[in-house]
Amino acid sequence: MNKRKGFILGGALLASAAALCALAYGSVAFRKNALGTQAVAYNTLDFDMRIEKDGEGDPYYQYTKSYGDEGLVLNVTGGDKTDWHFGIANWSFPTPLGEDADYYCEFVMHVDVAGGGAYESQVVLEAGKGDNVYMSDFAANSTFTISKAFKAKGATTGIVLSLGALKNAGGNNVFNACIEKFVLKQGGADGAIVNRINFQNANGFTTKWKASHDASFCASKAGVEELIYDFCALRPAERALITGDFQNLTGTVINEPAGEASSEMKSNAWVAGGGNEAHAEVTVKSTKPEHSRTWIDLSHLGLAAGKTYKLSFDIWKLTEEGFELITQPLKWTAVENRYGFFNTPGYHEQEITIPSGGSLWFLAQLGNVVNEISVYNIAVRSLELDIDGKSSIIESVRYFANRYNIELGA
């Protein structure tokens, strides 16, 4: 398979050094190499939903999850259990100093309900060894931080933010919560940053970057460092929307033969190629293309309604037999609402404008043939991220990183 190399951004770096305004988020610790260059690593981690289910497999909480300009938004419309039955978790967060080493972590967030008494309306933080932290003295719609000092349990430590005890004035589990960022530090609250996750979407970060970039009255190295750290701390999928890098498809490919498929038909799908290749195969065919459906779910990217994106990808097929690849805003959508239809191998690109309530899904169909296809090198990049129509956000980030001797992606 002849695959293209990684996306390379063209264009010159910014010709002029427009100033960045300092944003006060607290101190940022950077590592320094032998040359004295400040180095900041790209975040590669994320949190999954922790949603407990009953004996029949039904979740105890009803909610929707999305990524907005401020962060991860959870809209909970009902629930009937305790705090630990719902929230977000990373059960194997790296703690590189090993067992019993001291760490400190914090979440910055806000909710639309006020805190109450014990076990009435509260947020719970669990991390490593030591007792949980319970917070119930927060105001509605005001940013607050919940933090914990803890000892690691080993090379990895579970970190859980439980929200199941949040209740509205009527005592019901109905609320909105927005989680803005997560920070892990070595030692204590003043220790060096080990990892940080910025939960806002690409649009939210670029809006902040542009606002600071345009504020030429305020030049601050500290502000530049903090904004660049914010960029490096973005979730990988959101950062890829800014840089045009390939999206990781791990966990997003669904194999779903149609109910009308013949009983003899055999098809499957999987992720290969280091996580950026979705592969579908039919070994025994049915009668219609739609009898073998492989979905690639990119609805987690936080694509903003009304915004335009450039989508590019490669298709490979094993034989000359036919296939269908469809790009569309939802898993199920009317034909007239689809973004595009493709039935030839090779490199493809298109511009898509996201409708209200829409996102991005791929649908591969080859149920009436014996064949294999791969969809790989999927890149999605916003076409509305340029500064004054000249340089892209990533070019601007690289310019200021170079200006202030900051090494990206170390």
Protein backbone atom coordinates (compact mmCIF):
# COMPACT_ATOMS: atom_id res chain seq x y z
CA MET A 1 0.00 0.00 0.00
CA ASN A 2 1.53 3.30 -1.09
CA LYS A 3 0.65 5.69 1.69
CA ARG A 4 1.29 9.41 1.69
CA LYS A 5 3.67 10.89 4.18
CA GLY A 6 2.51 13.10 7.03
CA PHE A 7 0.83 16.45 6.43
CA ILE A 8 3.37 19.28 6.02
CA LEU A 9 2.18 22.82 6.62
CA GLY A 10 3.31 25.26 3.99
CA GLY A 11 3.75 28.98 4.16
CA ALA A 12 6.28 31.19 5.82
CA LEU A 13 6.32 31.92 9.52
CA LEU A 14 4.86 35.23 10.63
CA ALA A 15 6.85 38.13 9.32
CA SER A 16 6.09 40.39 12.22
CA ALA A 17 6.07 39.60 15.93
CA ALA A 18 2.60 40.68 17.03
CA ALA A 19 2.54 40.62 20.81
CA LEU A 20 0.73 38.10 22.97
CA CYS A 21 -1.12 39.22 26.05
CA ALA A 22 -0.44 37.37 29.30
CA LEU A 23 -3.29 35.18 30.50
CA ALA A 24 -3.19 34.51 34.24
CA TYR A 25 -3.55 30.77 34.82
CA GLY A 26 -0.71 30.35 37.34
CA SER A 27 2.84 29.23 36.92
CA VAL A 28 3.94 26.77 34.24
CA ALA A 29 6.96 24.52 34.67
CA PHE A 30 8.98 23.63 31.58
CA ARG A 31 11.83 21.17 31.32
CA LYS A 32 15.18 22.52 30.11
CA ASN A 33 17.62 20.59 27.98
CA ALA A 34 21.41 20.94 27.96
CA LEU A 35 21.17 23.97 25.67
CA GLY A 36 18.83 25.79 28.01
CA THR A 37 15.87 25.49 25.64
CA GLN A 38 12.50 25.21 27.34
CA ALA A 39 10.78 22.02 26.19
CA VAL A 40 7.09 21.22 26.50
CA ALA A 41 5.63 17.86 25.53
CA TYR A 42 2.44 17.28 23.58
CA ASN A 43 -0.35 15.73 25.62
CA THR A 44 -1.29 12.22 24.45
CA LEU A 45 -3.78 11.37 27.22
CA ASP A 46 -7.50 11.74 27.84
CA PHE A 47 -10.23 10.70 30.25
CA ASP A 48 -13.06 8.25 29.53
CA MET A 49 -16.60 8.38 30.87
CA ARG A 50 -17.22 6.44 34.05
CA ILE A 51 -20.90 5.46 33.83
CA GLU A 52 -22.09 2.53 35.94
CA LYS A 53 -24.89 0.28 34.66
CA ASP A 54 -27.50 -1.85 36.38
CA GLY A 55 -27.90 -5.60 36.08
CA GLU A 56 -29.88 -5.19 32.86
CA GLY A 57 -27.12 -3.14 31.24
CA ASP A 58 -28.92 0.20 31.49
CA PRO A 59 -26.86 3.22 32.65
CA TYR A 60 -27.76 4.79 35.97
CA TYR A 61 -27.39 8.29 34.48
CA GLN A 62 -28.73 9.84 31.28
CA TYR A 63 -26.40 12.38 29.70
CA THR A 64 -24.83 13.82 26.58
CA LYS A 65 -21.13 14.59 26.19
CA SER A 66 -19.55 17.22 23.95
CA TYR A 67 -16.46 19.42 23.72
CA GLY A 68 -17.14 23.16 23.68
CA ASP A 69 -15.11 26.36 23.56
CA GLU A 70 -14.53 26.15 27.32
CA GLY A 71 -14.05 22.41 27.78
CA LEU A 72 -15.73 19.04 28.20
CA VAL A 73 -19.47 19.61 28.64
CA LEU A 74 -21.66 17.00 30.35
CA ASN A 75 -25.41 17.61 30.20
CA VAL A 76 -27.06 15.27 32.71
CA THR A 77 -30.84 14.88 32.45
CA GLY A 78 -31.40 12.23 35.11
CA GLY A 79 -29.80 9.76 37.50
CA ASP A 80 -30.63 7.67 40.51
CA LYS A 81 -27.43 6.46 42.16
CA THR A 82 -24.54 7.89 44.20
CA ASP A 83 -21.53 10.06 43.37
CA TRP A 84 -19.18 7.35 42.11
CA HIS A 85 -21.61 5.95 39.56
CA PHE A 86 -21.01 8.83 37.13
CA GLY A 87 -18.07 11.03 36.10
CA ILE A 88 -14.83 10.81 34.14
CA ALA A 89 -11.85 8.58 34.81
CA ASN A 90 -8.40 7.56 33.65
CA TRP A 91 -7.66 4.28 35.42
CA SER A 92 -4.00 4.15 34.38
CA PHE A 93 -2.71 7.71 34.47
CA PRO A 94 1.13 7.60 34.26
CA THR A 95 2.99 8.40 37.50
CA PRO A 96 6.59 7.94 36.36
CA LEU A 97 8.26 8.17 39.77
CA GLY A 98 6.60 4.92 40.82
CA GLU A 99 4.84 3.65 43.90
CA ASP A 100 4.47 5.96 46.93
CA ALA A 101 5.90 8.99 45.11
CA ASP A 102 4.12 12.24 45.98
CA TYR A 103 1.89 13.93 43.43
CA TYR A 104 -0.75 16.63 43.27
CA CYS A 105 -3.61 16.87 40.79
CA GLU A 106 -6.44 19.29 40.14
CA PHE A 107 -9.45 19.79 37.89
CA VAL A 108 -10.66 23.26 36.92
CA MET A 109 -14.38 23.28 36.23
CA HIS A 110 -17.78 24.88 36.75
CA VAL A 111 -21.33 23.57 37.10
CA ASP A 112 -24.75 25.17 36.85
CA VAL A 113 -25.86 24.07 40.32
CA ALA A 114 -24.70 25.40 43.66
CA GLY A 115 -22.95 23.19 46.19
CA GLY A 116 -24.95 21.83 49.10
CA GLY A 117 -24.38 19.93 52.30
CA ALA A 118 -22.62 16.61 52.61
CA TYR A 119 -23.76 14.20 49.91
CA GLU A 120 -26.34 16.70 48.65
CA SER A 121 -24.60 18.49 45.78
CA GLN A 122 -20.89 17.89 45.58
CA VAL A 123 -17.93 16.84 43.45
CA VAL A 124 -15.59 14.02 44.49
CA LEU A 125 -11.95 13.52 43.45
CA GLU A 126 -10.21 10.17 43.84
CA ALA A 127 -6.53 9.75 42.99
CA GLY A 128 -3.85 7.28 44.07
CA LYS A 129 -3.47 6.46 47.74
CA GLY A 130 -5.24 8.43 50.44
CA ASP A 131 -8.79 9.53 51.17
CA ASN A 132 -11.04 11.07 48.54
CA VAL A 133 -11.60 14.83 48.39
CA TYR A 134 -15.21 16.01 48.70
CA MET A 135 -16.14 19.52 47.58
CA SER A 136 -19.56 21.04 48.21
CA ASP A 137 -18.80 24.74 48.81
CA PHE A 138 -18.93 26.04 45.23
CA ALA A 139 -21.20 28.60 43.61
CA ALA A 140 -23.23 27.87 40.52
CA ASN A 141 -21.70 28.95 37.20
CA SER A 142 -18.43 30.01 38.82
CA THR A 143 -15.07 28.47 38.02
CA PHE A 144 -13.56 26.47 40.86
CA THR A 145 -10.72 23.99 41.37
CA ILE A 146 -10.91 20.65 43.13
CA SER A 147 -7.50 19.24 44.02
CA LYS A 148 -5.80 16.42 45.87
CA ALA A 149 -2.29 15.57 47.07
CA PHE A 150 -1.71 11.83 46.89
CA LYS A 151 0.82 9.02 46.76
CA ALA A 152 1.09 7.02 43.56
CA LYS A 153 0.05 3.38 43.55
CA GLY A 154 2.70 2.39 41.03
CA ALA A 155 3.77 3.31 37.52
CA THR A 156 0.13 4.26 36.89
CA THR A 157 -2.60 5.58 39.17
CA GLY A 158 -6.35 5.77 38.73
CA ILE A 159 -7.75 9.31 38.75
CA VAL A 160 -11.53 9.73 38.92
CA LEU A 161 -13.70 12.85 39.02
CA SER A 162 -17.14 11.76 40.28
CA LEU A 163 -20.14 13.98 39.52
CA GLY A 164 -23.03 11.68 40.38
CA ALA A 165 -23.84 13.55 43.61
CA LEU A 166 -24.49 16.85 41.85
CA LYS A 167 -28.13 17.86 42.27
CA ASN A 168 -30.28 20.83 41.36
CA ALA A 169 -32.45 22.82 43.77
CA GLY A 170 -35.14 20.17 43.51
CA GLY A 171 -32.76 17.43 44.62
CA ASN A 172 -32.60 15.83 41.17
CA ASN A 173 -29.53 14.71 39.21
CA VAL A 174 -30.12 17.33 36.51
CA PHE A 175 -27.20 19.63 35.74
CA ASN A 176 -24.57 20.82 33.29
CA ALA A 177 -20.89 20.47 34.13
CA CYS A 178 -17.96 21.90 32.17
CA ILE A 179 -14.46 20.55 32.88
CA GLU A 180 -11.86 23.00 31.59
CA LYS A 181 -8.52 21.39 32.36
CA PHE A 182 -6.63 18.82 34.41
CA VAL A 183 -3.14 19.25 35.86
CA LEU A 184 -0.82 16.66 37.44
CA LYS A 185 2.22 17.92 39.36
CA GLN A 186 5.17 16.23 40.98
CA GLY A 187 5.39 16.59 44.75
CA GLY A 188 2.81 19.20 45.74
CA ALA A 189 0.83 22.17 44.51
CA ASP A 190 4.02 24.09 43.66
CA GLY A 191 5.74 21.16 41.96
CA ALA A 192 6.75 20.76 38.35
CA ILE A 193 3.95 19.94 35.92
CA VAL A 194 4.03 16.29 34.86
CA ASN A 195 1.01 16.43 32.57
CA ARG A 196 -1.83 18.73 31.75
CA ILE A 197 -4.96 18.18 29.68
CA ASN A 198 -6.81 21.11 28.12
CA PHE A 199 -10.38 19.97 27.44
CA GLN A 200 -11.50 22.91 25.30
CA ASN A 201 -12.10 22.34 21.61
CA ALA A 202 -9.91 23.63 18.81
CA ASN A 203 -12.24 26.56 18.14
CA GLY A 204 -12.06 27.66 21.78
CA PHE A 205 -8.27 27.60 21.82
CA THR A 206 -7.88 29.44 18.52
CA THR A 207 -10.33 32.12 19.63
CA LYS A 208 -8.18 32.68 22.73
CA TRP A 209 -4.95 32.64 20.70
CA LYS A 210 -6.29 35.18 18.20
CA ALA A 211 -7.55 37.49 20.95
CA SER A 212 -4.14 37.47 22.62
CA HIS A 213 -2.29 37.74 19.31
CA ASP A 214 -4.27 40.86 18.40
CA ALA A 215 -3.58 42.55 21.74
CA SER A 216 -0.33 44.14 20.57
CA PHE A 217 -0.21 46.40 23.62
CA CYS A 218 0.80 43.49 25.86
CA ALA A 219 3.98 41.53 25.07
CA SER A 220 4.73 38.89 27.66
CA LYS A 221 6.97 35.84 27.53
CA ALA A 222 5.01 34.33 30.42
CA GLY A 223 1.78 34.78 28.47
CA VAL A 224 3.29 33.13 25.41
CA GLU A 225 4.50 30.19 27.48
CA GLU A 226 1.08 29.69 29.03
CA LEU A 227 -0.74 29.83 25.71
CA ILE A 228 1.72 27.43 24.08
CA TYR A 229 1.32 25.08 27.03
CA ASP A 230 -2.43 25.31 26.51
CA PHE A 231 -1.92 24.31 22.86
CA CYS A 232 0.36 21.40 23.75
CA ALA A 233 -2.10 20.28 26.44
CA LEU A 234 -5.04 20.00 24.03
CA ARG A 235 -6.51 16.56 23.51
CA PRO A 236 -4.76 14.95 20.50
CA ALA A 237 -7.89 15.02 18.35
CA GLU A 238 -8.42 18.74 18.95
CA ARG A 239 -4.77 19.60 18.35
CA ALA A 240 -4.92 17.69 15.05
CA LEU A 241 -7.76 19.98 13.90
CA ILE A 242 -5.33 22.89 14.19
CA THR A 243 -2.24 21.22 12.73
CA GLY A 244 -3.91 19.06 10.09
CA ASP A 245 -2.31 15.89 11.48
CA PHE A 246 -3.88 12.49 10.92
CA GLN A 247 -6.64 11.48 13.30
CA ASN A 248 -6.23 8.38 15.45
CA LEU A 249 -9.07 5.97 14.68
CA THR A 250 -8.59 3.64 17.65
CA GLY A 251 -11.93 3.01 19.30
CA THR A 252 -13.94 4.70 16.54
CA VAL A 253 -14.51 1.88 14.00
CA ILE A 254 -17.79 -0.03 14.16
CA ASN A 255 -18.60 -3.18 12.16
CA GLU A 256 -22.37 -3.44 11.66
CA PRO A 257 -23.81 -5.76 8.98
CA ALA A 258 -27.38 -4.95 8.00
CA GLY A 259 -30.20 -7.09 9.34
CA GLU A 260 -31.18 -8.00 5.78
CA ALA A 261 -27.78 -9.52 4.97
CA SER A 262 -27.77 -13.14 3.89
CA SER A 263 -26.99 -15.60 6.67
CA GLU A 264 -23.91 -16.83 4.79
CA MET A 265 -22.33 -13.39 4.55
CA LYS A 266 -19.08 -12.74 6.44
CA SER A 267 -17.59 -9.29 7.04
CA ASN A 268 -15.47 -7.59 9.65
CA ALA A 269 -13.56 -4.42 10.33
CA TRP A 270 -10.64 -3.35 12.47
CA VAL A 271 -8.12 -0.58 13.07
CA ALA A 272 -4.59 -1.10 11.78
CA GLY A 273 -1.58 0.97 10.73
CA GLY A 274 -0.77 2.37 14.16
CA GLY A 275 -4.29 3.60 14.76
CA ASN A 276 -4.81 5.73 11.62
CA GLU A 277 -6.12 3.04 9.25
CA ALA A 278 -9.63 1.56 9.26
CA HIS A 279 -9.81 -1.73 7.40
CA ALA A 280 -12.97 -3.51 6.20
CA GLU A 281 -13.17 -6.94 4.61
CA VAL A 282 -15.93 -9.09 3.10
CA THR A 283 -15.05 -12.75 2.55
CA VAL A 284 -18.54 -14.04 1.72
CA LYS A 285 -20.79 -11.52 -0.05
CA SER A 286 -24.48 -10.76 0.22
CA THR A 287 -26.70 -9.01 -2.34
CA LYS A 288 -26.40 -5.26 -1.59
CA PRO A 289 -23.52 -2.90 -0.65
CA GLU A 290 -25.31 -1.75 2.49
CA HIS A 291 -25.39 -5.30 3.85
CA SER A 292 -21.85 -4.70 5.15
CA ARG A 293 -21.48 -1.41 7.01
CA THR A 294 -18.27 -0.16 8.56
CA TRP A 295 -18.67 3.10 10.45
CA ILE A 296 -15.79 5.42 11.34
CA ASP A 297 -17.01 7.65 14.14
CA LEU A 298 -15.31 11.06 14.32
CA SER A 299 -18.17 12.70 16.20
CA HIS A 300 -15.80 13.27 19.16
CA LEU A 301 -13.77 15.91 17.31
CA GLY A 302 -15.82 18.86 18.53
CA LEU A 303 -16.44 20.23 15.03
CA ALA A 304 -18.31 23.53 15.36
CA ALA A 305 -21.65 24.07 13.60
CA GLY A 306 -21.37 26.61 10.79
CA LYS A 307 -17.59 26.21 10.52
CA THR A 308 -15.86 24.94 7.37
CA TYR A 309 -13.21 22.21 7.41
CA LYS A 310 -10.94 20.56 4.88
CA LEU A 311 -11.26 16.79 5.02
CA SER A 312 -8.65 14.61 3.31
CA PHE A 313 -8.07 10.86 3.29
CA ASP A 314 -6.73 7.94 1.26
CA ILE A 315 -8.58 4.82 0.11
CA TRP A 316 -6.96 1.52 -0.80
CA LYS A 317 -8.78 -1.51 -2.23
CA LEU A 318 -7.57 -5.05 -2.82
CA THR A 319 -9.47 -5.93 -6.02
CA GLU A 320 -11.35 -4.13 -8.76
CA GLU A 321 -14.66 -5.03 -7.12
CA GLY A 322 -16.77 -2.05 -6.12
CA PHE A 323 -17.32 -0.31 -2.80
CA GLU A 324 -19.01 2.79 -1.44
CA LEU A 325 -17.51 5.30 1.02
CA ILE A 326 -19.82 8.02 2.27
CA THR A 327 -19.01 11.03 4.46
CA GLN A 328 -21.94 12.37 6.42
CA PRO A 329 -22.85 14.53 9.47
CA LEU A 330 -24.57 11.81 11.51
CA LYS A 331 -24.47 8.04 11.71
CA TRP A 332 -27.91 7.86 10.11
CA THR A 333 -28.85 10.64 7.72
CA ALA A 334 -30.86 11.22 4.57
CA VAL A 335 -29.02 10.90 1.25
CA GLU A 336 -29.47 14.60 0.48
CA ASN A 337 -27.70 15.53 3.74
CA ARG A 338 -24.52 13.59 3.08
CA TYR A 339 -21.19 15.38 2.66
CA GLY A 340 -19.81 13.21 -0.16
CA PHE A 341 -19.76 9.86 -1.98
CA PHE A 342 -16.56 8.08 -3.08
CA ASN A 343 -16.06 4.81 -4.96
CA THR A 344 -12.49 5.03 -6.28
CA PRO A 345 -9.17 4.43 -4.52
CA GLY A 346 -6.47 7.06 -4.02
CA TYR A 347 -6.29 10.45 -2.35
CA HIS A 348 -9.48 12.45 -1.81
CA GLU A 349 -10.26 15.79 -0.24
CA GLN A 350 -13.34 17.91 0.24
CA GLU A 351 -14.55 20.97 2.10
CA ILE A 352 -17.41 20.45 4.52
CA THR A 353 -19.46 22.98 6.47
CA ILE A 354 -20.88 21.46 9.63
CA PRO A 355 -24.68 21.87 10.00
CA SER A 356 -26.40 22.43 13.31
CA GLY A 357 -26.22 19.22 15.31
CA GLY A 358 -23.85 17.66 12.80
CA SER A 359 -20.41 16.14 13.10
CA LEU A 360 -18.43 13.70 10.93
CA TRP A 361 -18.96 10.03 10.17
CA PHE A 362 -17.58 7.75 7.46
CA LEU A 363 -19.69 4.86 6.15
CA ALA A 364 -17.98 2.12 4.09
CA GLN A 365 -20.26 -0.34 2.29
CA LEU A 366 -19.15 -3.41 0.28
CA GLY A 367 -21.67 -6.07 1.15
CA ASN A 368 -22.23 -7.32 -2.41
CA VAL A 369 -18.58 -8.07 -3.25
CA VAL A 370 -15.62 -10.05 -1.94
CA ASN A 371 -13.05 -7.35 -1.30
CA GLU A 372 -10.98 -5.44 1.23
CA ILE A 373 -10.64 -1.68 1.58
CA SER A 374 -8.72 0.63 3.90
CA VAL A 375 -9.43 4.24 4.77
CA TYR A 376 -6.35 5.94 6.20
CA ASN A 377 -4.51 9.25 6.64
CA ILE A 378 -7.76 10.94 7.67
CA ALA A 379 -7.03 14.59 8.38
CA VAL A 380 -9.53 17.29 9.31
CA ARG A 381 -8.37 20.89 9.47
CA SER A 382 -10.38 24.02 10.07
CA LEU A 383 -10.26 26.55 7.23
CA GLU A 384 -11.13 29.37 9.65
CA LEU A 385 -8.02 29.27 11.83
CA ASP A 386 -5.86 31.73 9.93
CA ILE A 387 -4.71 35.00 11.48
CA ASP A 388 -5.72 37.96 9.30
CA GLY A 389 -5.96 35.60 6.33
CA LYS A 390 -2.16 35.16 6.25
CA SER A 391 -0.66 32.61 8.62
CA SER A 392 -2.28 29.64 10.29
CA ILE A 393 -2.53 29.24 14.05
CA ILE A 394 0.09 26.49 14.05
CA GLU A 395 2.52 28.69 12.10
CA SER A 396 1.93 31.43 14.65
CA VAL A 397 2.46 29.02 17.56
CA ARG A 398 5.72 27.82 16.01
CA TYR A 399 6.89 31.37 15.39
CA PHE A 400 6.44 32.43 19.01
CA ALA A 401 7.84 29.16 20.33
CA ASN A 402 10.98 29.83 18.29
CA ARG A 403 11.09 33.46 19.40
CA TYR A 404 11.02 32.53 23.07
CA ASN A 405 13.24 29.43 22.72
CA ILE A 406 10.46 26.93 23.48
CA GLU A 407 10.85 23.45 22.00
CA LEU A 408 7.51 21.94 20.94
CA GLY A 409 6.69 18.28 21.25
CA ALA A 410 9.76 17.24 23.24
